N, C-alpha and C. Protein backbone atom coordinates (compact mmCIF):
# COMPACT_ATOMS: atom_id res chain seq x y z
N MET A 1 16.69 -21.81 50.46
CA MET A 1 17.08 -21.04 49.31
C MET A 1 16.89 -19.55 49.67
N SER A 2 17.86 -18.74 49.24
CA SER A 2 17.79 -17.31 49.55
C SER A 2 16.70 -16.64 48.71
N LEU A 3 16.25 -15.48 49.19
CA LEU A 3 15.22 -14.73 48.49
C LEU A 3 15.71 -14.28 47.10
N ALA A 4 16.96 -13.82 47.01
CA ALA A 4 17.52 -13.37 45.74
C ALA A 4 17.56 -14.51 44.73
N LYS A 5 18.01 -15.68 45.15
CA LYS A 5 18.09 -16.82 44.26
C LYS A 5 16.69 -17.26 43.83
N SER A 6 15.74 -17.22 44.74
CA SER A 6 14.36 -17.58 44.43
C SER A 6 13.78 -16.62 43.40
N MET A 7 14.04 -15.31 43.55
CA MET A 7 13.54 -14.33 42.60
C MET A 7 14.19 -14.52 41.24
N SER A 8 15.48 -14.83 41.22
CA SER A 8 16.19 -15.06 39.98
C SER A 8 15.60 -16.24 39.23
N LEU A 9 15.32 -17.33 39.94
CA LEU A 9 14.71 -18.50 39.32
C LEU A 9 13.31 -18.19 38.81
N SER A 10 12.58 -17.33 39.52
CA SER A 10 11.24 -16.94 39.09
C SER A 10 11.31 -16.17 37.78
N VAL A 11 12.28 -15.26 37.65
CA VAL A 11 12.44 -14.49 36.42
C VAL A 11 12.79 -15.41 35.27
N VAL A 12 13.69 -16.37 35.50
CA VAL A 12 14.06 -17.33 34.45
C VAL A 12 12.83 -18.12 34.03
N ALA A 13 12.03 -18.59 34.98
CA ALA A 13 10.82 -19.34 34.66
C ALA A 13 9.85 -18.46 33.87
N LEU A 14 9.71 -17.19 34.25
CA LEU A 14 8.84 -16.28 33.53
C LEU A 14 9.34 -16.09 32.10
N CYS A 15 10.65 -15.94 31.93
CA CYS A 15 11.22 -15.76 30.60
C CYS A 15 10.99 -16.97 29.72
N LEU A 16 11.10 -18.15 30.30
CA LEU A 16 10.90 -19.36 29.51
C LEU A 16 9.45 -19.54 29.12
N GLY A 17 8.54 -19.07 29.95
CA GLY A 17 7.12 -19.25 29.71
C GLY A 17 6.48 -18.17 28.86
N THR A 18 7.13 -17.04 28.69
CA THR A 18 6.54 -15.94 27.93
C THR A 18 7.59 -15.27 27.07
N SER A 19 7.18 -14.27 26.35
CA SER A 19 8.13 -13.50 25.55
C SER A 19 8.61 -12.27 26.29
N TRP A 20 8.38 -12.20 27.59
CA TRP A 20 8.74 -11.03 28.38
C TRP A 20 10.21 -10.69 28.26
N CYS A 21 11.08 -11.69 28.25
CA CYS A 21 12.52 -11.41 28.19
C CYS A 21 12.91 -10.68 26.92
N SER A 22 12.35 -11.07 25.78
CA SER A 22 12.70 -10.37 24.55
C SER A 22 12.19 -8.95 24.58
N VAL A 23 11.02 -8.73 25.15
CA VAL A 23 10.49 -7.37 25.26
C VAL A 23 11.36 -6.56 26.22
N ALA A 24 11.73 -7.16 27.33
CA ALA A 24 12.56 -6.45 28.30
C ALA A 24 13.92 -6.11 27.73
N SER A 25 14.53 -7.03 26.98
CA SER A 25 15.84 -6.73 26.42
C SER A 25 15.74 -5.72 25.28
N ALA A 26 14.64 -5.76 24.52
CA ALA A 26 14.45 -4.79 23.44
C ALA A 26 14.26 -3.38 23.99
N ALA A 27 13.67 -3.28 25.15
CA ALA A 27 13.40 -1.97 25.72
C ALA A 27 14.68 -1.23 26.08
N VAL A 28 15.78 -1.94 26.32
CA VAL A 28 17.01 -1.28 26.70
C VAL A 28 17.86 -0.89 25.49
N GLU A 29 17.55 -1.41 24.31
CA GLU A 29 18.28 -1.05 23.10
C GLU A 29 17.83 0.34 22.65
N PRO A 30 18.75 1.19 22.24
CA PRO A 30 18.36 2.52 21.78
C PRO A 30 17.74 2.46 20.38
N CYS A 31 16.76 3.29 20.16
CA CYS A 31 16.15 3.40 18.84
C CYS A 31 16.96 4.39 18.02
N ALA A 32 17.37 3.98 16.85
CA ALA A 32 18.10 4.82 15.91
C ALA A 32 17.99 4.18 14.54
N LEU A 33 18.44 4.86 13.50
CA LEU A 33 18.40 4.26 12.17
C LEU A 33 19.13 2.92 12.14
N LYS A 34 20.25 2.83 12.81
CA LYS A 34 21.05 1.59 12.78
C LYS A 34 20.51 0.50 13.69
N THR A 35 19.48 0.81 14.48
CA THR A 35 18.83 -0.18 15.34
C THR A 35 17.32 -0.04 15.21
N ALA A 36 16.83 0.13 14.00
CA ALA A 36 15.42 0.43 13.75
C ALA A 36 14.49 -0.65 14.29
N GLU A 37 14.95 -1.88 14.36
CA GLU A 37 14.08 -2.95 14.85
C GLU A 37 13.68 -2.76 16.31
N PHE A 38 14.36 -1.86 17.03
CA PHE A 38 14.04 -1.60 18.42
C PHE A 38 13.16 -0.36 18.60
N CYS A 39 12.77 0.26 17.52
CA CYS A 39 11.91 1.45 17.58
C CYS A 39 10.46 1.01 17.69
N ARG A 40 9.74 1.54 18.65
CA ARG A 40 8.34 1.15 18.82
C ARG A 40 7.39 1.93 17.91
N ASP A 41 7.83 3.12 17.45
CA ASP A 41 7.01 3.88 16.53
C ASP A 41 7.87 4.88 15.78
N THR A 42 7.26 5.58 14.84
CA THR A 42 7.98 6.51 13.98
C THR A 42 8.54 7.68 14.77
N ASN A 43 7.79 8.19 15.76
CA ASN A 43 8.29 9.32 16.56
C ASN A 43 9.59 8.98 17.25
N GLN A 44 9.67 7.79 17.82
CA GLN A 44 10.89 7.40 18.51
C GLN A 44 12.07 7.42 17.54
N LEU A 45 11.86 6.97 16.32
CA LEU A 45 12.93 6.99 15.32
C LEU A 45 13.28 8.43 14.92
N VAL A 46 12.25 9.25 14.67
CA VAL A 46 12.47 10.63 14.25
C VAL A 46 13.23 11.42 15.31
N TRP A 47 12.99 11.14 16.59
CA TRP A 47 13.64 11.87 17.68
C TRP A 47 15.02 11.31 18.01
N SER A 48 15.45 10.26 17.34
CA SER A 48 16.75 9.66 17.65
C SER A 48 17.89 10.53 17.12
N PRO A 49 19.05 10.46 17.78
CA PRO A 49 20.20 11.26 17.35
C PRO A 49 20.61 10.94 15.90
N GLY A 50 20.85 11.98 15.13
CA GLY A 50 21.34 11.82 13.77
C GLY A 50 20.27 11.62 12.71
N PHE A 51 19.01 11.48 13.12
CA PHE A 51 17.95 11.21 12.14
C PHE A 51 17.79 12.37 11.16
N ASP A 52 17.67 13.59 11.67
CA ASP A 52 17.49 14.77 10.80
C ASP A 52 18.60 14.86 9.76
N ASP A 53 19.83 14.70 10.21
CA ASP A 53 20.97 14.81 9.29
C ASP A 53 20.93 13.73 8.21
N ALA A 54 20.56 12.51 8.60
CA ALA A 54 20.49 11.41 7.62
C ALA A 54 19.43 11.70 6.57
N ILE A 55 18.28 12.23 6.99
CA ILE A 55 17.21 12.56 6.04
C ILE A 55 17.66 13.70 5.12
N LYS A 56 18.27 14.72 5.69
CA LYS A 56 18.74 15.86 4.88
C LYS A 56 19.76 15.42 3.84
N ARG A 57 20.68 14.53 4.22
CA ARG A 57 21.68 14.02 3.26
C ARG A 57 21.01 13.19 2.16
N PHE A 58 20.05 12.37 2.55
CA PHE A 58 19.37 11.49 1.60
C PHE A 58 18.53 12.29 0.60
N VAL A 59 17.77 13.25 1.10
CA VAL A 59 16.85 14.01 0.25
C VAL A 59 17.57 15.07 -0.57
N GLY A 60 18.53 15.76 0.03
CA GLY A 60 19.23 16.82 -0.69
C GLY A 60 18.34 18.01 -0.95
N PRO A 61 18.61 18.78 -2.00
CA PRO A 61 17.89 20.03 -2.24
C PRO A 61 16.58 19.89 -3.02
N HIS A 62 16.09 18.68 -3.23
CA HIS A 62 14.84 18.51 -3.99
C HIS A 62 13.72 19.35 -3.39
N THR A 63 12.86 19.84 -4.26
CA THR A 63 11.68 20.57 -3.79
C THR A 63 10.44 19.77 -4.14
N GLY A 64 9.43 19.93 -3.29
CA GLY A 64 8.15 19.26 -3.50
C GLY A 64 7.10 20.28 -3.88
N GLU A 65 5.86 19.95 -3.58
CA GLU A 65 4.74 20.80 -3.95
C GLU A 65 4.78 22.17 -3.29
N PHE A 66 5.13 22.23 -1.98
CA PHE A 66 5.04 23.49 -1.25
C PHE A 66 6.36 23.97 -0.65
N ALA A 67 7.34 23.11 -0.51
CA ALA A 67 8.58 23.48 0.17
C ALA A 67 9.66 22.48 -0.22
N THR A 68 10.82 22.62 0.41
CA THR A 68 11.85 21.63 0.16
C THR A 68 11.37 20.29 0.68
N LEU A 69 11.73 19.24 0.01
CA LEU A 69 11.30 17.91 0.45
C LEU A 69 11.94 17.53 1.79
N GLN A 70 13.10 18.11 2.10
CA GLN A 70 13.69 17.86 3.42
C GLN A 70 12.71 18.29 4.49
N ARG A 71 12.25 19.52 4.38
CA ARG A 71 11.33 20.07 5.39
C ARG A 71 10.01 19.31 5.39
N GLN A 72 9.47 19.00 4.22
CA GLN A 72 8.22 18.25 4.14
C GLN A 72 8.37 16.84 4.74
N ALA A 73 9.48 16.19 4.43
CA ALA A 73 9.70 14.83 4.95
C ALA A 73 9.80 14.84 6.47
N LEU A 74 10.60 15.74 7.02
CA LEU A 74 10.76 15.78 8.47
C LEU A 74 9.45 16.15 9.15
N ALA A 75 8.69 17.07 8.58
CA ALA A 75 7.40 17.45 9.17
C ALA A 75 6.41 16.29 9.10
N SER A 76 6.34 15.61 7.96
CA SER A 76 5.35 14.54 7.80
C SER A 76 5.68 13.32 8.64
N LEU A 77 6.94 13.10 8.95
CA LEU A 77 7.32 11.96 9.79
C LEU A 77 7.27 12.31 11.28
N GLY A 78 7.17 13.60 11.61
CA GLY A 78 7.28 14.02 12.99
C GLY A 78 5.99 14.19 13.75
N GLY A 79 4.85 13.95 13.13
CA GLY A 79 3.58 14.11 13.81
C GLY A 79 3.11 12.81 14.43
N PRO A 80 1.79 12.61 14.50
CA PRO A 80 1.27 11.37 15.07
C PRO A 80 1.91 10.16 14.39
N PRO A 81 2.52 9.28 15.19
CA PRO A 81 3.31 8.20 14.62
C PRO A 81 2.50 6.98 14.24
N GLY A 82 3.12 6.18 13.42
CA GLY A 82 2.60 4.85 13.13
C GLY A 82 3.57 3.83 13.69
N ARG A 83 3.09 2.62 13.82
CA ARG A 83 3.98 1.53 14.22
C ARG A 83 4.77 1.09 12.99
N PRO A 84 6.02 0.70 13.19
CA PRO A 84 6.78 0.22 12.04
C PRO A 84 6.19 -1.09 11.51
N VAL A 85 6.24 -1.23 10.21
CA VAL A 85 5.78 -2.46 9.56
C VAL A 85 7.03 -3.20 9.12
N GLU A 86 7.21 -4.41 9.64
CA GLU A 86 8.37 -5.20 9.26
C GLU A 86 8.12 -5.82 7.89
N MET A 87 9.08 -5.65 7.00
CA MET A 87 8.95 -6.13 5.63
C MET A 87 9.68 -7.47 5.50
N LEU A 88 9.07 -8.52 5.97
CA LEU A 88 9.68 -9.84 5.90
C LEU A 88 9.74 -10.32 4.46
N GLY A 89 10.85 -10.91 4.10
CA GLY A 89 11.00 -11.46 2.76
C GLY A 89 11.28 -10.42 1.69
N TYR A 90 11.35 -9.19 2.05
CA TYR A 90 11.63 -8.12 1.09
C TYR A 90 13.13 -7.91 1.06
N LYS A 91 13.81 -8.69 0.19
CA LYS A 91 15.27 -8.67 0.11
C LYS A 91 15.88 -8.79 1.51
N SER A 92 15.49 -9.83 2.21
CA SER A 92 15.96 -10.14 3.56
C SER A 92 15.40 -9.20 4.62
N GLY A 93 14.35 -8.51 4.33
CA GLY A 93 13.66 -7.72 5.34
C GLY A 93 13.94 -6.24 5.29
N GLY A 94 13.29 -5.54 6.17
CA GLY A 94 13.39 -4.10 6.28
C GLY A 94 12.19 -3.59 7.05
N TRP A 95 12.00 -2.28 7.07
CA TRP A 95 10.92 -1.68 7.84
C TRP A 95 10.34 -0.50 7.11
N LEU A 96 9.03 -0.32 7.27
CA LEU A 96 8.33 0.86 6.78
C LEU A 96 7.84 1.62 8.00
N PHE A 97 8.24 2.89 8.12
CA PHE A 97 7.85 3.74 9.24
C PHE A 97 6.92 4.84 8.71
N PRO A 98 5.61 4.77 8.99
CA PRO A 98 4.67 5.79 8.55
C PRO A 98 4.34 6.79 9.66
N ALA A 99 3.89 7.96 9.28
CA ALA A 99 3.41 8.97 10.23
C ALA A 99 2.65 10.02 9.45
N CYS A 100 2.12 11.01 10.16
CA CYS A 100 1.50 12.14 9.48
C CYS A 100 1.94 13.43 10.16
N GLU A 101 1.78 14.53 9.45
CA GLU A 101 2.22 15.82 9.96
C GLU A 101 1.35 16.26 11.14
N ALA A 102 1.98 16.81 12.15
CA ALA A 102 1.24 17.30 13.32
C ALA A 102 0.23 18.36 12.90
N HIS A 103 -1.00 18.22 13.34
CA HIS A 103 -2.09 19.16 13.09
C HIS A 103 -2.45 19.28 11.61
N ASP A 104 -1.97 18.35 10.79
CA ASP A 104 -2.30 18.36 9.36
C ASP A 104 -2.15 16.94 8.83
N CYS A 105 -2.95 16.01 9.37
CA CYS A 105 -2.77 14.59 9.06
C CYS A 105 -3.07 14.19 7.61
N PRO A 106 -3.73 15.01 6.80
CA PRO A 106 -3.79 14.64 5.39
C PRO A 106 -2.41 14.67 4.70
N VAL A 107 -1.41 15.24 5.35
CA VAL A 107 -0.04 15.19 4.85
C VAL A 107 0.66 14.07 5.60
N LYS A 108 1.16 13.10 4.88
CA LYS A 108 1.74 11.91 5.50
C LYS A 108 3.15 11.66 4.97
N GLY A 109 3.91 10.90 5.73
CA GLY A 109 5.24 10.53 5.31
C GLY A 109 5.52 9.08 5.63
N ALA A 110 6.43 8.48 4.91
CA ALA A 110 6.84 7.10 5.18
C ALA A 110 8.32 6.96 4.83
N LEU A 111 9.01 6.23 5.66
CA LEU A 111 10.42 5.94 5.48
C LEU A 111 10.57 4.44 5.30
N LEU A 112 11.26 4.04 4.24
CA LEU A 112 11.48 2.63 3.95
C LEU A 112 12.96 2.32 4.18
N LEU A 113 13.22 1.43 5.12
CA LEU A 113 14.60 1.05 5.44
C LEU A 113 14.87 -0.37 4.96
N ASN A 114 16.08 -0.62 4.49
CA ASN A 114 16.54 -1.96 4.14
C ASN A 114 16.86 -2.75 5.39
N HIS A 115 17.08 -4.04 5.21
CA HIS A 115 17.46 -4.91 6.32
C HIS A 115 18.78 -4.49 6.95
N ASP A 116 19.64 -3.79 6.20
CA ASP A 116 20.93 -3.33 6.74
C ASP A 116 20.83 -1.93 7.34
N HIS A 117 19.59 -1.45 7.52
CA HIS A 117 19.28 -0.16 8.14
C HIS A 117 19.59 1.05 7.25
N SER A 118 19.90 0.83 5.99
CA SER A 118 20.11 1.96 5.09
C SER A 118 18.75 2.44 4.57
N ILE A 119 18.67 3.71 4.25
CA ILE A 119 17.42 4.26 3.73
C ILE A 119 17.26 3.82 2.28
N ARG A 120 16.16 3.16 1.99
CA ARG A 120 15.88 2.71 0.63
C ARG A 120 14.97 3.71 -0.08
N GLY A 121 14.07 4.31 0.68
CA GLY A 121 13.15 5.27 0.08
C GLY A 121 12.43 6.08 1.13
N LEU A 122 11.90 7.19 0.68
CA LEU A 122 11.17 8.11 1.54
C LEU A 122 10.04 8.68 0.70
N ALA A 123 8.87 8.82 1.29
CA ALA A 123 7.74 9.36 0.56
C ALA A 123 7.02 10.41 1.38
N VAL A 124 6.55 11.43 0.71
CA VAL A 124 5.68 12.45 1.29
C VAL A 124 4.40 12.43 0.47
N PHE A 125 3.29 12.27 1.15
CA PHE A 125 1.99 12.12 0.51
C PHE A 125 1.09 13.25 0.99
N ASP A 126 0.35 13.86 0.08
CA ASP A 126 -0.50 14.99 0.42
C ASP A 126 -1.82 14.87 -0.34
N PHE A 127 -2.94 15.00 0.40
CA PHE A 127 -4.25 14.94 -0.23
C PHE A 127 -4.57 16.19 -1.03
N GLY A 128 -3.84 17.25 -0.84
CA GLY A 128 -4.16 18.51 -1.51
C GLY A 128 -5.14 19.31 -0.67
N SER A 129 -5.59 20.42 -1.20
CA SER A 129 -6.48 21.29 -0.44
C SER A 129 -7.93 20.84 -0.54
N LYS A 130 -8.76 21.38 0.34
CA LYS A 130 -10.18 21.01 0.41
C LYS A 130 -10.83 21.13 -0.97
N GLY A 131 -11.55 20.09 -1.34
CA GLY A 131 -12.26 20.09 -2.60
C GLY A 131 -11.39 19.75 -3.81
N GLU A 132 -10.07 19.85 -3.67
CA GLU A 132 -9.16 19.61 -4.78
C GLU A 132 -9.12 18.13 -5.16
N LYS A 133 -9.12 17.28 -4.16
CA LYS A 133 -9.08 15.82 -4.36
C LYS A 133 -7.99 15.43 -5.34
N ASN A 134 -6.80 15.90 -5.07
CA ASN A 134 -5.66 15.68 -5.94
C ASN A 134 -4.50 15.07 -5.15
N PRO A 135 -4.68 13.85 -4.62
CA PRO A 135 -3.61 13.29 -3.80
C PRO A 135 -2.37 12.96 -4.63
N ARG A 136 -1.24 13.41 -4.13
CA ARG A 136 0.02 13.19 -4.85
C ARG A 136 1.07 12.69 -3.87
N ILE A 137 2.05 12.04 -4.43
CA ILE A 137 3.12 11.49 -3.61
C ILE A 137 4.46 11.84 -4.27
N ASP A 138 5.37 12.34 -3.45
CA ASP A 138 6.75 12.56 -3.89
C ASP A 138 7.59 11.48 -3.23
N MET A 139 8.35 10.75 -4.03
CA MET A 139 9.23 9.70 -3.51
C MET A 139 10.67 10.06 -3.81
N ILE A 140 11.52 9.80 -2.86
CA ILE A 140 12.97 9.88 -3.07
C ILE A 140 13.46 8.46 -2.86
N LEU A 141 14.07 7.89 -3.88
CA LEU A 141 14.53 6.51 -3.81
C LEU A 141 16.03 6.43 -3.97
N LYS A 142 16.64 5.53 -3.23
CA LYS A 142 18.07 5.28 -3.35
C LYS A 142 18.40 4.92 -4.79
N ASP A 143 17.53 4.09 -5.39
CA ASP A 143 17.64 3.73 -6.80
C ASP A 143 16.30 4.07 -7.46
N PRO A 144 16.24 5.12 -8.28
CA PRO A 144 14.97 5.51 -8.88
C PRO A 144 14.31 4.42 -9.73
N GLU A 145 15.08 3.40 -10.11
CA GLU A 145 14.52 2.29 -10.89
C GLU A 145 14.04 1.14 -9.99
N ASP A 146 14.08 1.31 -8.69
CA ASP A 146 13.67 0.28 -7.72
C ASP A 146 12.15 0.20 -7.70
N THR A 147 11.59 -0.65 -8.57
CA THR A 147 10.14 -0.74 -8.67
C THR A 147 9.50 -1.34 -7.42
N LYS A 148 10.21 -2.20 -6.71
CA LYS A 148 9.64 -2.77 -5.48
C LYS A 148 9.45 -1.68 -4.42
N ALA A 149 10.45 -0.83 -4.24
CA ALA A 149 10.33 0.26 -3.27
C ALA A 149 9.22 1.21 -3.71
N ARG A 150 9.16 1.52 -4.99
CA ARG A 150 8.11 2.39 -5.51
C ARG A 150 6.73 1.78 -5.27
N ASN A 151 6.59 0.48 -5.53
CA ASN A 151 5.31 -0.20 -5.33
C ASN A 151 4.90 -0.22 -3.86
N ILE A 152 5.85 -0.44 -2.98
CA ILE A 152 5.54 -0.45 -1.54
C ILE A 152 5.08 0.93 -1.08
N LEU A 153 5.78 1.97 -1.48
CA LEU A 153 5.40 3.31 -1.06
C LEU A 153 4.08 3.76 -1.70
N THR A 154 3.82 3.35 -2.93
CA THR A 154 2.54 3.65 -3.57
C THR A 154 1.41 2.89 -2.88
N ALA A 155 1.65 1.63 -2.54
CA ALA A 155 0.64 0.84 -1.81
C ALA A 155 0.35 1.47 -0.45
N TRP A 156 1.40 1.95 0.22
CA TRP A 156 1.20 2.64 1.51
C TRP A 156 0.32 3.87 1.31
N ALA A 157 0.57 4.67 0.26
CA ALA A 157 -0.23 5.87 0.01
C ALA A 157 -1.69 5.50 -0.29
N ASN A 158 -1.89 4.45 -1.06
CA ASN A 158 -3.26 4.00 -1.35
C ASN A 158 -3.96 3.51 -0.08
N TRP A 159 -3.22 2.85 0.80
CA TRP A 159 -3.77 2.42 2.09
C TRP A 159 -4.14 3.65 2.92
N ALA A 160 -3.31 4.69 2.88
CA ALA A 160 -3.61 5.92 3.61
C ALA A 160 -4.89 6.55 3.09
N ILE A 161 -5.09 6.52 1.78
CA ILE A 161 -6.33 7.04 1.20
C ILE A 161 -7.52 6.24 1.72
N ALA A 162 -7.39 4.92 1.71
CA ALA A 162 -8.49 4.06 2.17
C ALA A 162 -8.81 4.32 3.65
N GLN A 163 -7.79 4.46 4.48
CA GLN A 163 -8.02 4.74 5.90
C GLN A 163 -8.70 6.09 6.08
N ASP A 164 -8.28 7.08 5.34
CA ASP A 164 -8.80 8.43 5.52
C ASP A 164 -10.23 8.58 5.01
N LEU A 165 -10.67 7.68 4.14
CA LEU A 165 -12.06 7.71 3.72
C LEU A 165 -13.00 7.56 4.92
N PHE A 166 -12.53 6.85 5.95
CA PHE A 166 -13.34 6.64 7.15
C PHE A 166 -13.13 7.75 8.18
N THR A 167 -12.09 8.55 8.02
CA THR A 167 -11.72 9.52 9.04
C THR A 167 -12.16 10.93 8.71
N TYR A 168 -12.02 11.34 7.48
CA TYR A 168 -12.24 12.73 7.10
C TYR A 168 -13.53 12.89 6.29
N PRO A 169 -14.10 14.10 6.30
CA PRO A 169 -15.27 14.35 5.46
C PRO A 169 -14.93 14.13 3.99
N SER A 170 -15.91 13.77 3.21
CA SER A 170 -15.64 13.45 1.80
C SER A 170 -15.10 14.64 1.00
N ASP A 171 -15.25 15.85 1.51
CA ASP A 171 -14.70 17.01 0.81
C ASP A 171 -13.18 16.95 0.70
N TYR A 172 -12.54 16.25 1.62
CA TYR A 172 -11.09 16.22 1.68
C TYR A 172 -10.47 15.00 1.03
N VAL A 173 -11.25 13.97 0.78
CA VAL A 173 -10.66 12.69 0.44
C VAL A 173 -10.96 12.28 -0.99
N ALA A 174 -9.91 11.89 -1.68
CA ALA A 174 -10.04 11.30 -3.01
C ALA A 174 -9.90 9.80 -2.86
N THR A 175 -10.14 9.08 -3.92
CA THR A 175 -10.08 7.63 -3.84
C THR A 175 -8.89 7.02 -4.55
N GLN A 176 -8.08 7.84 -5.22
CA GLN A 176 -6.89 7.30 -5.88
C GLN A 176 -5.82 8.38 -6.03
N LEU A 177 -4.59 7.93 -6.17
CA LEU A 177 -3.48 8.85 -6.41
C LEU A 177 -3.62 9.49 -7.78
N THR A 178 -3.33 10.76 -7.87
CA THR A 178 -3.38 11.43 -9.16
C THR A 178 -2.00 11.87 -9.64
N GLY A 179 -1.00 11.81 -8.76
CA GLY A 179 0.33 12.21 -9.17
C GLY A 179 1.40 11.47 -8.38
N VAL A 180 2.38 10.95 -9.10
CA VAL A 180 3.51 10.26 -8.47
C VAL A 180 4.78 10.85 -9.05
N SER A 181 5.65 11.32 -8.17
CA SER A 181 6.93 11.87 -8.59
C SER A 181 8.03 11.05 -7.93
N VAL A 182 8.99 10.59 -8.72
CA VAL A 182 10.11 9.80 -8.19
C VAL A 182 11.40 10.54 -8.47
N LEU A 183 12.16 10.79 -7.41
CA LEU A 183 13.42 11.51 -7.50
C LEU A 183 14.55 10.66 -6.93
N PRO A 184 15.78 10.85 -7.41
CA PRO A 184 16.91 10.10 -6.87
C PRO A 184 17.39 10.68 -5.55
N ALA A 185 17.87 9.81 -4.68
CA ALA A 185 18.47 10.27 -3.44
C ALA A 185 19.74 11.05 -3.77
N GLN A 186 20.07 11.99 -2.90
CA GLN A 186 21.22 12.83 -3.15
C GLN A 186 22.52 12.29 -2.56
N HIS A 187 22.41 11.72 -1.37
CA HIS A 187 23.59 11.23 -0.68
C HIS A 187 23.25 9.84 -0.14
N LEU A 188 23.94 8.84 -0.61
CA LEU A 188 23.55 7.47 -0.30
C LEU A 188 24.12 6.92 1.00
N LYS A 189 25.04 7.61 1.63
CA LYS A 189 25.57 7.11 2.91
C LYS A 189 24.67 7.59 4.02
N ASP A 190 24.12 6.65 4.79
CA ASP A 190 23.20 6.99 5.88
C ASP A 190 23.97 7.20 7.17
């Protein structure tokens, strides 16, 4: 048997015995909104072609606590990334992509995608300033009456609060959300 054929059979045997083949094939797929299942983290998605434009169209001219929500959303999703959370059973699935703002991790963002890769919701979460303990979340939803998307993004913000209780001094951390703002998406084509 030739060396090439022997190596080929070895790879096939390895693929049958492990999940290596699915990982290897996933690694060659590009990460983008339309192929979100191949993104290993939020940064990879944020850096993909067309991401900024899709967020800007979705958010529109809404303003948040300190700036336009477009700018806040892109900044909060562009820092230290989180791994995507696959939403199995949530209307046939989808993904939640969390992250926090670079050099300001008390400001966080999350993107909620449907199973068809359309943006279902986006949230920007901020603990507020030192001592204020006034964590608030601004949500932009494709459908402002979508209580499931609202509940998922609120649960994510509450989880962020719980995680940060272990990370930051108590001067910065509150234990519950004090403000929730829900706004409609501006442009629904992703």
